[in-house]
Amino acid sequence: MAKGKNVLTTGDVAKICNVAPRTVSKWFDSGQLKGYRIPGSKDRRIPLPELLRFMKANNMPIEALPVGKLRVLVVDGSDPPASDLLETLKARGSYDVQLARSSFEVGAAIQKLAPHVVLINLLTNGVDAQGICGSIRSNEDFATIKIVALANHLSTQEAAALLQRGFDGHVSNPNDALEVIRKIEEVTAIIY
């Protein structure tokens, strides 16, 4: 299995869980393990965050998961960027963090980094947050990427509108690194 893989085959999941591939297929077909089928095929694919959720819910050991570091792309065109947030994420050691300062840099970074989570600062100039979100959501290859908006004190309606536009969540205080980390863990289904 390739390192940094976000979507797994039933064979990959079987090796990780130390079961037969047919057992994984049964979990999938019964709805216990969520994922999708490859169009025109019977092959199944399971996103890594879903496997993690399933394993934790069933008290399975997660040491065999190829999670490694969680890859986070921070999109912030402000000057200076949210350096405290970047440094806090890097200092934790469990994150591979990269900064993109423009919409162009986002495209290149997504191809190179293959992030699990994209944090977009909505308060920055020169970054089209809606356009970035739309581009990610329109590309099947990026279906597992979680997108989190960083904005100050959104109303309930504004937060709901972000979810409708394709965001997976928001952080109302982007200066609170612990709140950002909790949201990253929430959207990637990491439960401690």
N, C-alpha and C. Protein backbone atom coordinates (compact mmCIF):
# COMPACT_ATOMS: atom_id res chain seq x y z
N MET A 1 0.85 -1.18 0.00
CA MET A 1 0.00 0.00 0.00
C MET A 1 0.89 1.23 0.00
N ALA A 2 0.57 2.23 -0.82
CA ALA A 2 1.36 3.44 -0.94
C ALA A 2 1.27 4.29 0.31
N LYS A 3 2.41 4.85 0.72
CA LYS A 3 2.42 5.74 1.87
C LYS A 3 1.64 7.01 1.52
N GLY A 4 0.85 7.49 2.46
CA GLY A 4 0.10 8.70 2.23
C GLY A 4 -1.19 8.48 1.47
N LYS A 5 -1.58 7.24 1.30
CA LYS A 5 -2.80 6.90 0.56
C LYS A 5 -4.02 7.31 1.38
N ASN A 6 -4.95 8.03 0.76
CA ASN A 6 -6.15 8.50 1.46
C ASN A 6 -7.33 7.56 1.30
N VAL A 7 -7.31 6.73 0.28
CA VAL A 7 -8.42 5.81 -0.01
C VAL A 7 -7.82 4.41 -0.15
N LEU A 8 -8.46 3.44 0.50
CA LEU A 8 -7.92 2.09 0.56
C LEU A 8 -8.81 1.09 -0.18
N THR A 9 -8.21 0.02 -0.67
CA THR A 9 -8.96 -1.08 -1.28
C THR A 9 -9.38 -2.03 -0.17
N THR A 10 -10.26 -2.98 -0.50
CA THR A 10 -10.66 -3.96 0.50
C THR A 10 -9.46 -4.82 0.91
N GLY A 11 -8.54 -5.05 -0.01
CA GLY A 11 -7.32 -5.79 0.31
C GLY A 11 -6.44 -5.04 1.30
N ASP A 12 -6.31 -3.72 1.10
CA ASP A 12 -5.55 -2.90 2.03
C ASP A 12 -6.15 -2.97 3.43
N VAL A 13 -7.49 -2.81 3.49
CA VAL A 13 -8.19 -2.82 4.78
C VAL A 13 -8.05 -4.19 5.44
N ALA A 14 -8.13 -5.25 4.65
CA ALA A 14 -8.00 -6.61 5.19
C ALA A 14 -6.63 -6.80 5.85
N LYS A 15 -5.58 -6.32 5.20
CA LYS A 15 -4.23 -6.43 5.78
C LYS A 15 -4.12 -5.64 7.07
N ILE A 16 -4.66 -4.44 7.09
CA ILE A 16 -4.59 -3.59 8.27
C ILE A 16 -5.35 -4.22 9.44
N CYS A 17 -6.54 -4.76 9.15
CA CYS A 17 -7.40 -5.32 10.20
C CYS A 17 -7.11 -6.79 10.48
N ASN A 18 -6.20 -7.40 9.70
CA ASN A 18 -5.83 -8.79 9.86
C ASN A 18 -7.04 -9.72 9.70
N VAL A 19 -7.81 -9.48 8.64
CA VAL A 19 -8.97 -10.30 8.30
C VAL A 19 -8.92 -10.63 6.81
N ALA A 20 -9.83 -11.48 6.37
CA ALA A 20 -9.92 -11.81 4.95
C ALA A 20 -10.60 -10.67 4.18
N PRO A 21 -10.23 -10.47 2.91
CA PRO A 21 -10.88 -9.42 2.12
C PRO A 21 -12.41 -9.58 2.07
N ARG A 22 -12.89 -10.83 2.09
CA ARG A 22 -14.34 -11.06 2.05
C ARG A 22 -15.02 -10.48 3.30
N THR A 23 -14.33 -10.53 4.44
CA THR A 23 -14.88 -9.95 5.67
C THR A 23 -15.05 -8.45 5.50
N VAL A 24 -14.07 -7.79 4.88
CA VAL A 24 -14.16 -6.35 4.64
C VAL A 24 -15.33 -6.06 3.71
N SER A 25 -15.50 -6.89 2.69
CA SER A 25 -16.63 -6.71 1.76
C SER A 25 -17.96 -6.83 2.50
N LYS A 26 -18.06 -7.76 3.43
CA LYS A 26 -19.29 -7.91 4.22
C LYS A 26 -19.54 -6.68 5.08
N TRP A 27 -18.48 -6.16 5.72
CA TRP A 27 -18.63 -4.93 6.51
C TRP A 27 -19.15 -3.80 5.64
N PHE A 28 -18.58 -3.70 4.43
CA PHE A 28 -18.96 -2.64 3.50
C PHE A 28 -20.41 -2.82 3.06
N ASP A 29 -20.77 -4.03 2.63
CA ASP A 29 -22.11 -4.29 2.10
C ASP A 29 -23.20 -4.13 3.16
N SER A 30 -22.85 -4.38 4.42
CA SER A 30 -23.84 -4.23 5.50
C SER A 30 -23.95 -2.78 5.99
N GLY A 31 -23.06 -1.91 5.51
CA GLY A 31 -23.11 -0.50 5.90
C GLY A 31 -22.31 -0.18 7.15
N GLN A 32 -21.65 -1.16 7.73
CA GLN A 32 -20.84 -0.90 8.93
C GLN A 32 -19.60 -0.07 8.58
N LEU A 33 -19.04 -0.33 7.41
CA LEU A 33 -17.86 0.37 6.93
C LEU A 33 -18.27 1.12 5.67
N LYS A 34 -18.15 2.44 5.71
CA LYS A 34 -18.65 3.25 4.60
C LYS A 34 -17.54 3.54 3.60
N GLY A 35 -17.97 3.73 2.37
CA GLY A 35 -17.04 4.04 1.29
C GLY A 35 -17.83 4.19 0.00
N TYR A 36 -17.23 3.81 -1.09
CA TYR A 36 -17.92 3.91 -2.38
C TYR A 36 -17.43 2.82 -3.31
N ARG A 37 -18.21 2.57 -4.35
CA ARG A 37 -17.83 1.60 -5.38
C ARG A 37 -17.25 2.35 -6.58
N ILE A 38 -16.31 1.72 -7.23
CA ILE A 38 -15.75 2.27 -8.46
C ILE A 38 -16.82 2.13 -9.55
N PRO A 39 -17.17 3.22 -10.25
CA PRO A 39 -18.20 3.13 -11.29
C PRO A 39 -17.84 2.08 -12.34
N GLY A 40 -18.83 1.27 -12.70
CA GLY A 40 -18.63 0.22 -13.70
C GLY A 40 -17.89 -0.99 -13.18
N SER A 41 -17.75 -1.09 -11.86
CA SER A 41 -17.00 -2.18 -11.26
C SER A 41 -17.64 -2.56 -9.94
N LYS A 42 -17.27 -3.70 -9.42
CA LYS A 42 -17.73 -4.10 -8.09
C LYS A 42 -16.71 -3.73 -7.03
N ASP A 43 -15.58 -3.16 -7.43
CA ASP A 43 -14.52 -2.81 -6.49
C ASP A 43 -14.99 -1.74 -5.53
N ARG A 44 -14.57 -1.89 -4.28
CA ARG A 44 -14.95 -0.96 -3.22
C ARG A 44 -13.74 -0.15 -2.79
N ARG A 45 -13.98 1.07 -2.35
CA ARG A 45 -12.92 1.93 -1.83
C ARG A 45 -13.38 2.50 -0.49
N ILE A 46 -12.47 2.51 0.47
CA ILE A 46 -12.78 3.00 1.80
C ILE A 46 -11.83 4.15 2.13
N PRO A 47 -12.36 5.36 2.40
CA PRO A 47 -11.51 6.48 2.80
C PRO A 47 -10.83 6.17 4.15
N LEU A 48 -9.59 6.57 4.27
CA LEU A 48 -8.82 6.31 5.48
C LEU A 48 -9.51 6.84 6.74
N PRO A 49 -10.07 8.07 6.74
CA PRO A 49 -10.75 8.53 7.95
C PRO A 49 -11.93 7.63 8.35
N GLU A 50 -12.62 7.06 7.36
CA GLU A 50 -13.74 6.16 7.66
C GLU A 50 -13.23 4.87 8.28
N LEU A 51 -12.12 4.35 7.79
CA LEU A 51 -11.55 3.14 8.39
C LEU A 51 -11.14 3.42 9.83
N LEU A 52 -10.53 4.56 10.07
CA LEU A 52 -10.13 4.93 11.43
C LEU A 52 -11.35 4.98 12.35
N ARG A 53 -12.43 5.60 11.88
CA ARG A 53 -13.66 5.68 12.68
C ARG A 53 -14.18 4.28 12.98
N PHE A 54 -14.22 3.43 11.97
CA PHE A 54 -14.72 2.07 12.11
C PHE A 54 -13.89 1.28 13.12
N MET A 55 -12.56 1.39 13.02
CA MET A 55 -11.69 0.64 13.91
C MET A 55 -11.85 1.10 15.35
N LYS A 56 -11.95 2.40 15.57
CA LYS A 56 -12.14 2.91 16.93
C LYS A 56 -13.49 2.49 17.49
N ALA A 57 -14.53 2.55 16.66
CA ALA A 57 -15.89 2.18 17.11
C ALA A 57 -15.96 0.71 17.48
N ASN A 58 -15.11 -0.13 16.87
CA ASN A 58 -15.13 -1.56 17.14
C ASN A 58 -13.95 -2.03 18.00
N ASN A 59 -13.31 -1.07 18.65
CA ASN A 59 -12.19 -1.36 19.57
C ASN A 59 -11.09 -2.19 18.93
N MET A 60 -10.78 -1.88 17.68
CA MET A 60 -9.71 -2.57 16.96
C MET A 60 -8.42 -1.77 17.13
N PRO A 61 -7.28 -2.42 17.24
CA PRO A 61 -6.02 -1.69 17.37
C PRO A 61 -5.71 -0.91 16.09
N ILE A 62 -5.31 0.34 16.25
CA ILE A 62 -5.08 1.20 15.08
C ILE A 62 -3.61 1.36 14.75
N GLU A 63 -2.73 0.62 15.43
CA GLU A 63 -1.30 0.77 15.20
C GLU A 63 -0.89 0.44 13.77
N ALA A 64 -1.65 -0.43 13.10
CA ALA A 64 -1.29 -0.85 11.74
C ALA A 64 -1.70 0.16 10.68
N LEU A 65 -2.43 1.20 11.08
CA LEU A 65 -2.87 2.20 10.10
C LEU A 65 -1.67 2.97 9.55
N PRO A 66 -1.68 3.24 8.25
CA PRO A 66 -0.57 3.97 7.63
C PRO A 66 -0.79 5.48 7.70
N VAL A 67 -1.22 5.97 8.85
CA VAL A 67 -1.61 7.37 8.93
C VAL A 67 -0.40 8.29 8.83
N GLY A 68 0.65 8.00 9.58
CA GLY A 68 1.79 8.89 9.56
C GLY A 68 1.37 10.27 10.02
N LYS A 69 1.94 11.27 9.42
CA LYS A 69 1.58 12.64 9.77
C LYS A 69 0.35 13.08 8.99
N LEU A 70 -0.50 13.83 9.65
CA LEU A 70 -1.67 14.40 9.01
C LEU A 70 -1.20 15.61 8.21
N ARG A 71 -1.50 15.63 6.92
CA ARG A 71 -1.04 16.71 6.04
C ARG A 71 -2.07 17.84 6.03
N VAL A 72 -1.61 19.04 6.40
CA VAL A 72 -2.49 20.20 6.51
C VAL A 72 -1.96 21.32 5.63
N LEU A 73 -2.83 21.85 4.79
CA LEU A 73 -2.49 23.01 3.97
C LEU A 73 -3.22 24.21 4.56
N VAL A 74 -2.46 25.23 4.95
CA VAL A 74 -3.03 26.46 5.48
C VAL A 74 -3.03 27.49 4.36
N VAL A 75 -4.21 28.02 4.04
CA VAL A 75 -4.34 29.03 2.99
C VAL A 75 -4.56 30.37 3.67
N ASP A 76 -3.55 31.22 3.59
CA ASP A 76 -3.61 32.51 4.27
C ASP A 76 -2.75 33.51 3.52
N GLY A 77 -3.39 34.47 2.87
CA GLY A 77 -2.67 35.47 2.09
C GLY A 77 -2.31 36.71 2.88
N SER A 78 -2.65 36.75 4.17
CA SER A 78 -2.36 37.95 4.97
C SER A 78 -0.86 38.04 5.23
N ASP A 79 -0.44 39.24 5.56
CA ASP A 79 0.97 39.49 5.80
C ASP A 79 1.16 40.09 7.18
N PRO A 80 1.74 39.43 8.13
CA PRO A 80 2.25 38.08 8.06
C PRO A 80 1.12 37.05 8.18
N PRO A 81 1.36 35.85 7.67
CA PRO A 81 0.32 34.81 7.79
C PRO A 81 0.17 34.37 9.24
N ALA A 82 -0.76 33.51 9.47
CA ALA A 82 -1.05 33.02 10.82
C ALA A 82 0.13 32.18 11.32
N SER A 83 1.25 32.86 11.59
CA SER A 83 2.47 32.15 11.93
C SER A 83 2.35 31.39 13.24
N ASP A 84 1.59 31.91 14.21
CA ASP A 84 1.41 31.18 15.47
C ASP A 84 0.74 29.84 15.22
N LEU A 85 -0.29 29.84 14.38
CA LEU A 85 -0.98 28.61 14.06
C LEU A 85 -0.05 27.63 13.36
N LEU A 86 0.70 28.11 12.37
CA LEU A 86 1.63 27.25 11.64
C LEU A 86 2.66 26.63 12.58
N GLU A 87 3.23 27.45 13.45
CA GLU A 87 4.25 26.97 14.38
C GLU A 87 3.67 25.97 15.37
N THR A 88 2.45 26.21 15.85
CA THR A 88 1.82 25.29 16.80
C THR A 88 1.57 23.94 16.14
N LEU A 89 1.05 23.96 14.91
CA LEU A 89 0.79 22.70 14.21
C LEU A 89 2.09 21.95 13.95
N LYS A 90 3.13 22.65 13.52
CA LYS A 90 4.42 22.01 13.25
C LYS A 90 5.03 21.45 14.53
N ALA A 91 4.88 22.19 15.63
CA ALA A 91 5.48 21.78 16.90
C ALA A 91 4.86 20.50 17.45
N ARG A 92 3.62 20.24 17.12
CA ARG A 92 2.96 19.03 17.62
C ARG A 92 3.60 17.76 17.08
N GLY A 93 4.25 17.85 15.94
CA GLY A 93 4.95 16.70 15.39
C GLY A 93 4.07 15.73 14.61
N SER A 94 2.77 15.79 14.80
CA SER A 94 1.89 14.86 14.11
C SER A 94 1.29 15.47 12.84
N TYR A 95 1.75 16.68 12.50
CA TYR A 95 1.24 17.36 11.32
C TYR A 95 2.37 17.71 10.37
N ASP A 96 2.10 17.53 9.09
CA ASP A 96 2.98 18.01 8.03
C ASP A 96 2.25 19.23 7.48
N VAL A 97 2.78 20.43 7.72
CA VAL A 97 2.06 21.67 7.43
C VAL A 97 2.75 22.44 6.32
N GLN A 98 1.93 22.97 5.43
CA GLN A 98 2.44 23.82 4.36
C GLN A 98 1.55 25.05 4.25
N LEU A 99 2.13 26.17 3.85
CA LEU A 99 1.39 27.42 3.68
C LEU A 99 1.24 27.76 2.21
N ALA A 100 0.05 28.17 1.82
CA ALA A 100 -0.20 28.69 0.47
C ALA A 100 -0.75 30.10 0.65
N ARG A 101 -0.18 31.05 -0.08
CA ARG A 101 -0.57 32.45 0.11
C ARG A 101 -1.49 32.98 -0.99
N SER A 102 -1.73 32.17 -2.03
CA SER A 102 -2.62 32.60 -3.11
C SER A 102 -3.37 31.39 -3.66
N SER A 103 -4.39 31.66 -4.44
CA SER A 103 -5.17 30.57 -5.04
C SER A 103 -4.29 29.72 -5.96
N PHE A 104 -3.35 30.34 -6.66
CA PHE A 104 -2.44 29.60 -7.53
C PHE A 104 -1.57 28.64 -6.71
N GLU A 105 -1.03 29.13 -5.59
CA GLU A 105 -0.20 28.28 -4.74
C GLU A 105 -1.00 27.11 -4.17
N VAL A 106 -2.30 27.32 -3.95
CA VAL A 106 -3.15 26.25 -3.42
C VAL A 106 -3.17 25.07 -4.40
N GLY A 107 -3.37 25.37 -5.69
CA GLY A 107 -3.42 24.31 -6.69
C GLY A 107 -2.15 23.50 -6.73
N ALA A 108 -1.03 24.19 -6.71
CA ALA A 108 0.27 23.49 -6.74
C ALA A 108 0.48 22.69 -5.46
N ALA A 109 0.11 23.27 -4.32
CA ALA A 109 0.32 22.59 -3.04
C ALA A 109 -0.55 21.35 -2.90
N ILE A 110 -1.77 21.41 -3.41
CA ILE A 110 -2.66 20.25 -3.32
C ILE A 110 -2.10 19.10 -4.14
N GLN A 111 -1.57 19.40 -5.32
CA GLN A 111 -0.97 18.36 -6.15
C GLN A 111 0.26 17.75 -5.47
N LYS A 112 1.08 18.58 -4.85
CA LYS A 112 2.34 18.12 -4.27
C LYS A 112 2.13 17.49 -2.89
N LEU A 113 1.39 18.14 -2.01
CA LEU A 113 1.23 17.72 -0.62
C LEU A 113 0.16 16.65 -0.44
N ALA A 114 -0.88 16.68 -1.28
CA ALA A 114 -2.05 15.80 -1.12
C ALA A 114 -2.56 15.90 0.31
N PRO A 115 -3.03 17.10 0.71
CA PRO A 115 -3.41 17.31 2.11
C PRO A 115 -4.65 16.52 2.52
N HIS A 116 -4.70 16.20 3.80
CA HIS A 116 -5.91 15.63 4.38
C HIS A 116 -6.90 16.75 4.70
N VAL A 117 -6.34 17.90 5.12
CA VAL A 117 -7.18 19.04 5.55
C VAL A 117 -6.63 20.31 4.92
N VAL A 118 -7.55 21.17 4.45
CA VAL A 118 -7.19 22.50 3.96
C VAL A 118 -7.88 23.50 4.88
N LEU A 119 -7.09 24.35 5.53
CA LEU A 119 -7.61 25.42 6.38
C LEU A 119 -7.54 26.71 5.57
N ILE A 120 -8.69 27.36 5.37
CA ILE A 120 -8.73 28.58 4.56
C ILE A 120 -9.13 29.76 5.43
N ASN A 121 -8.26 30.76 5.52
CA ASN A 121 -8.55 31.97 6.26
C ASN A 121 -9.48 32.84 5.42
N LEU A 122 -10.73 32.98 5.86
CA LEU A 122 -11.71 33.76 5.10
C LEU A 122 -11.49 35.27 5.24
N LEU A 123 -10.65 35.67 6.17
CA LEU A 123 -10.44 37.09 6.43
C LEU A 123 -9.27 37.67 5.66
N THR A 124 -8.68 36.89 4.78
CA THR A 124 -7.50 37.34 4.04
C THR A 124 -7.88 37.89 2.67
N ASN A 125 -7.08 38.80 2.17
CA ASN A 125 -7.29 39.35 0.83
C ASN A 125 -6.50 38.52 -0.19
N GLY A 126 -7.01 38.49 -1.41
CA GLY A 126 -6.29 37.83 -2.49
C GLY A 126 -6.48 36.32 -2.56
N VAL A 127 -7.33 35.78 -1.72
CA VAL A 127 -7.60 34.34 -1.75
C VAL A 127 -9.10 34.16 -1.96
N ASP A 128 -9.46 33.46 -3.02
CA ASP A 128 -10.86 33.19 -3.33
C ASP A 128 -11.27 31.89 -2.64
N ALA A 129 -11.72 31.99 -1.39
CA ALA A 129 -12.06 30.81 -0.58
C ALA A 129 -13.15 29.97 -1.25
N GLN A 130 -14.18 30.62 -1.76
CA GLN A 130 -15.27 29.89 -2.41
C GLN A 130 -14.78 29.18 -3.67
N GLY A 131 -13.92 29.85 -4.42
CA GLY A 131 -13.37 29.25 -5.63
C GLY A 131 -12.49 28.05 -5.31
N ILE A 132 -11.67 28.16 -4.27
CA ILE A 132 -10.82 27.05 -3.85
C ILE A 132 -11.67 25.87 -3.43
N CYS A 133 -12.67 26.14 -2.60
CA CYS A 133 -13.56 25.08 -2.12
C CYS A 133 -14.27 24.41 -3.31
N GLY A 134 -14.78 25.22 -4.22
CA GLY A 134 -15.47 24.68 -5.39
C GLY A 134 -14.56 23.83 -6.27
N SER A 135 -13.33 24.27 -6.45
CA SER A 135 -12.37 23.51 -7.27
C SER A 135 -12.05 22.16 -6.63
N ILE A 136 -11.86 22.16 -5.33
CA ILE A 136 -11.56 20.90 -4.64
C ILE A 136 -12.75 19.96 -4.72
N ARG A 137 -13.95 20.50 -4.49
CA ARG A 137 -15.16 19.66 -4.48
C ARG A 137 -15.53 19.14 -5.87
N SER A 138 -15.10 19.83 -6.92
CA SER A 138 -15.45 19.40 -8.27
C SER A 138 -14.49 18.35 -8.83
N ASN A 139 -13.42 18.04 -8.10
CA ASN A 139 -12.43 17.09 -8.57
C ASN A 139 -12.54 15.79 -7.76
N GLU A 140 -12.88 14.69 -8.42
CA GLU A 140 -13.04 13.39 -7.76
C GLU A 140 -11.79 12.96 -7.01
N ASP A 141 -10.62 13.31 -7.53
CA ASP A 141 -9.36 12.91 -6.89
C ASP A 141 -9.18 13.54 -5.52
N PHE A 142 -9.91 14.61 -5.25
CA PHE A 142 -9.77 15.32 -3.98
C PHE A 142 -10.97 15.12 -3.06
N ALA A 143 -11.76 14.08 -3.32
CA ALA A 143 -13.01 13.86 -2.59
C ALA A 143 -12.80 13.69 -1.09
N THR A 144 -11.64 13.19 -0.66
CA THR A 144 -11.42 12.94 0.77
C THR A 144 -10.84 14.14 1.51
N ILE A 145 -10.48 15.20 0.80
CA ILE A 145 -9.91 16.38 1.46
C ILE A 145 -11.00 17.09 2.26
N LYS A 146 -10.68 17.39 3.51
CA LYS A 146 -11.59 18.13 4.37
C LYS A 146 -11.21 19.61 4.30
N ILE A 147 -12.23 20.48 4.21
CA ILE A 147 -11.99 21.91 4.08
C ILE A 147 -12.61 22.61 5.29
N VAL A 148 -11.78 23.39 5.99
CA VAL A 148 -12.22 24.10 7.18
C VAL A 148 -11.98 25.59 6.99
N ALA A 149 -13.03 26.37 7.26
CA ALA A 149 -12.94 27.83 7.15
C ALA A 149 -12.46 28.41 8.48
N LEU A 150 -11.55 29.36 8.40
CA LEU A 150 -11.10 30.09 9.57
C LEU A 150 -11.70 31.49 9.50
N ALA A 151 -12.60 31.80 10.42
CA ALA A 151 -13.28 33.10 10.40
C ALA A 151 -13.67 33.48 11.82
N ASN A 152 -13.77 34.77 12.06
CA ASN A 152 -14.15 35.24 13.40
C ASN A 152 -15.65 35.29 13.57
N HIS A 153 -16.14 34.62 14.59
CA HIS A 153 -17.52 34.74 15.08
C HIS A 153 -18.59 34.74 13.98
N LEU A 154 -18.75 33.61 13.33
CA LEU A 154 -19.79 33.48 12.31
C LEU A 154 -21.15 33.28 12.95
N SER A 155 -22.17 33.82 12.32
CA SER A 155 -23.53 33.58 12.79
C SER A 155 -23.93 32.16 12.40
N THR A 156 -25.02 31.68 12.96
CA THR A 156 -25.51 30.35 12.64
C THR A 156 -25.82 30.23 11.15
N GLN A 157 -26.40 31.29 10.57
CA GLN A 157 -26.73 31.28 9.14
C GLN A 157 -25.47 31.26 8.28
N GLU A 158 -24.47 32.03 8.67
CA GLU A 158 -23.21 32.05 7.92
C GLU A 158 -22.51 30.70 7.98
N ALA A 159 -22.53 30.07 9.15
CA ALA A 159 -21.91 28.75 9.30
C ALA A 159 -22.65 27.71 8.45
N ALA A 160 -23.97 27.77 8.44
CA ALA A 160 -24.78 26.84 7.64
C ALA A 160 -24.50 27.05 6.15
N ALA A 161 -24.34 28.31 5.74
CA ALA A 161 -24.06 28.61 4.34
C ALA A 161 -22.71 28.02 3.91
N LEU A 162 -21.72 28.07 4.79
CA LEU A 162 -20.42 27.48 4.47
C LEU A 162 -20.54 25.97 4.24
N LEU A 163 -21.31 25.30 5.09
CA LEU A 163 -21.50 23.86 4.94
C LEU A 163 -22.18 23.53 3.61
N GLN A 164 -23.16 24.37 3.23
CA GLN A 164 -23.87 24.16 1.96
C GLN A 164 -22.94 24.37 0.76
N ARG A 165 -21.95 25.21 0.91
CA ARG A 165 -21.02 25.50 -0.18
C ARG A 165 -19.89 24.48 -0.30
N GLY A 166 -19.85 23.51 0.62
CA GLY A 166 -18.85 22.46 0.50
C GLY A 166 -17.80 22.41 1.60
N PHE A 167 -17.82 23.36 2.52
CA PHE A 167 -16.89 23.32 3.64
C PHE A 167 -17.31 22.22 4.59
N ASP A 168 -16.35 21.62 5.28
CA ASP A 168 -16.65 20.56 6.24
C ASP A 168 -16.82 21.10 7.66
N GLY A 169 -16.46 22.34 7.87
CA GLY A 169 -16.59 22.95 9.19
C GLY A 169 -15.94 24.31 9.20
N HIS A 170 -16.01 24.94 10.38
CA HIS A 170 -15.37 26.25 10.53
C HIS A 170 -14.85 26.40 11.95
N VAL A 171 -13.91 27.31 12.10
CA VAL A 171 -13.37 27.66 13.41
C VAL A 171 -13.65 29.13 13.61
N SER A 172 -14.35 29.44 14.70
CA SER A 172 -14.76 30.83 14.92
C SER A 172 -13.65 31.69 15.52
N ASN A 173 -12.60 31.07 16.05
CA ASN A 173 -11.48 31.85 16.56
C ASN A 173 -10.18 31.26 16.01
N PRO A 174 -9.76 31.71 14.81
CA PRO A 174 -8.57 31.13 14.19
C PRO A 174 -7.28 31.38 14.97
N ASN A 175 -7.32 32.31 15.94
CA ASN A 175 -6.13 32.56 16.76
C ASN A 175 -5.98 31.54 17.87
N ASP A 176 -7.00 30.74 18.11
CA ASP A 176 -6.96 29.70 19.14
C ASP A 176 -6.51 28.39 18.49
N ALA A 177 -5.22 28.11 18.58
CA ALA A 177 -4.65 26.94 17.91
C ALA A 177 -5.30 25.64 18.40
N LEU A 178 -5.64 25.57 19.67
CA LEU A 178 -6.26 24.35 20.20
C LEU A 178 -7.64 24.13 19.59
N GLU A 179 -8.39 25.20 19.35
CA GLU A 179 -9.69 25.06 18.69
C GLU A 179 -9.50 24.57 17.25
N VAL A 180 -8.48 25.08 16.58
CA VAL A 180 -8.19 24.65 15.21
C VAL A 180 -7.82 23.17 15.20
N ILE A 181 -6.98 22.75 16.14
CA ILE A 181 -6.57 21.35 16.23
C ILE A 181 -7.77 20.45 16.51
N ARG A 182 -8.66 20.87 17.41
CA ARG A 182 -9.87 20.09 17.70
C ARG A 182 -10.72 19.94 16.44
N LYS A 183 -10.83 21.00 15.66
CA LYS A 183 -11.63 20.93 14.43
C LYS A 183 -10.97 20.02 13.40
N ILE A 184 -9.65 20.08 13.27
CA ILE A 184 -8.93 19.19 12.36
C ILE A 184 -9.21 17.74 12.75
N GLU A 185 -9.10 17.45 14.02
CA GLU A 185 -9.34 16.08 14.50
C GLU A 185 -10.79 15.67 14.30
N GLU A 186 -11.70 16.60 14.48
CA GLU A 186 -13.12 16.30 14.29
C GLU A 186 -13.44 15.94 12.84
N VAL A 187 -12.97 16.76 11.91
CA VAL A 187 -13.30 16.52 10.50
C VAL A 187 -12.57 15.31 9.91
N THR A 188 -11.45 14.93 10.53
CA THR A 188 -10.73 13.75 10.05
C THR A 188 -11.07 12.52 10.88
N ALA A 189 -12.04 12.66 11.78
CA ALA A 189 -12.56 11.54 12.60
C ALA A 189 -11.53 10.94 13.52
N ILE A 190 -10.59 11.75 13.98
CA ILE A 190 -9.62 11.26 14.96
C ILE A 190 -10.20 11.52 16.34
N ILE A 191 -10.38 10.47 17.10
CA ILE A 191 -10.98 10.58 18.42
C ILE A 191 -9.98 10.08 19.44
N TYR A 192 -9.70 10.91 20.45
CA TYR A 192 -8.75 10.51 21.49
C TYR A 192 -9.49 10.15 22.74
